[in-house]
Amino acid sequence: MFYIDIDKLNGKIAERRTTKDAISDEIGISRSTFYRRLKNGKLLIGDMHKICEVLNLSKTEAMDIFLVQ
């Protein structure tokens, strides 16, 4: 099973000078849904792809955040 490294994701969000609210708007889900998925560690694959695009994450960065074992 894989887990999301929330701390690294939060770090990238801050590094890109944006917010979780802005990310949820850009990927097209409600803020409450986004926060719930983050809290539960159950982002959909589509959400992950969109987050990678919005934050302009490299493959290595994405793997470090979304493919934590």
Protein backbone atom coordinates (compact mmCIF):
# COMPACT_ATOMS: atom_id res chain seq x y z
CA MET A 1 0.00 0.00 0.00
CA PHE A 2 1.19 3.52 -0.78
CA TYR A 3 0.73 6.65 1.28
CA ILE A 4 0.82 10.35 0.53
CA ASP A 5 3.60 12.32 2.19
CA ILE A 6 1.42 15.24 3.27
CA ASP A 7 4.38 17.17 4.69
CA LYS A 8 6.21 17.08 1.36
CA LEU A 9 3.04 18.00 -0.51
CA ASN A 10 2.45 20.94 1.84
CA GLY A 11 6.07 21.97 1.34
CA LYS A 12 5.68 21.99 -2.45
CA ILE A 13 2.43 23.94 -2.17
CA ALA A 14 4.19 26.56 -0.03
CA GLU A 15 7.27 26.54 -2.29
CA ARG A 16 5.05 27.30 -5.29
CA ARG A 17 3.45 30.12 -3.28
CA THR A 18 -0.08 28.80 -3.52
CA THR A 19 -2.64 27.29 -1.13
CA LYS A 20 -4.60 24.08 -0.79
CA ASP A 21 -7.75 26.07 -1.53
CA ALA A 22 -6.24 27.29 -4.81
CA ILE A 23 -5.11 23.76 -5.68
CA SER A 24 -8.59 22.34 -5.07
CA ASP A 25 -10.10 25.02 -7.32
CA GLU A 26 -7.55 24.35 -10.06
CA ILE A 27 -8.05 20.58 -10.03
CA GLY A 28 -11.82 20.97 -10.02
CA ILE A 29 -12.93 19.53 -6.69
CA SER A 30 -14.52 21.20 -3.71
CA ARG A 31 -12.28 22.34 -0.91
CA SER A 32 -13.98 20.05 1.59
CA THR A 33 -13.50 17.03 -0.67
CA PHE A 34 -9.84 17.91 -1.24
CA TYR A 35 -9.14 18.32 2.48
CA ARG A 36 -10.99 15.08 3.27
CA ARG A 37 -9.04 13.15 0.65
CA LEU A 38 -5.77 14.55 1.98
CA LYS A 39 -6.71 13.72 5.55
CA ASN A 40 -7.66 10.16 4.60
CA GLY A 41 -4.69 9.82 2.25
CA LYS A 42 -7.04 8.72 -0.52
CA LEU A 43 -6.47 11.02 -3.45
CA LEU A 44 -7.69 9.69 -6.77
CA ILE A 45 -5.12 9.01 -9.48
CA GLY A 46 -6.67 11.82 -11.52
CA ASP A 47 -6.28 14.19 -8.57
CA MET A 48 -2.60 13.27 -8.30
CA HIS A 49 -2.00 13.89 -12.00
CA LYS A 50 -3.73 17.26 -11.84
CA ILE A 51 -1.78 18.26 -8.72
CA CYS A 52 1.45 17.34 -10.51
CA GLU A 53 0.46 19.59 -13.42
CA VAL A 54 -0.65 22.49 -11.23
CA LEU A 55 2.48 22.35 -9.06
CA ASN A 56 4.72 21.51 -12.02
CA LEU A 57 6.20 18.54 -10.16
CA SER A 58 8.96 16.46 -11.68
CA LYS A 59 8.52 12.70 -11.82
CA THR A 60 10.91 12.32 -8.90
CA GLU A 61 9.05 14.91 -6.81
CA ALA A 62 5.71 13.24 -7.61
CA MET A 63 7.02 9.80 -6.65
CA ASP A 64 8.47 11.16 -3.40
CA ILE A 65 5.07 12.63 -2.50
CA PHE A 66 2.54 10.14 -3.84
CA LEU A 67 4.34 6.78 -3.80
CA VAL A 68 5.49 6.54 -0.20
CA GLN A 69 5.56 2.97 1.07
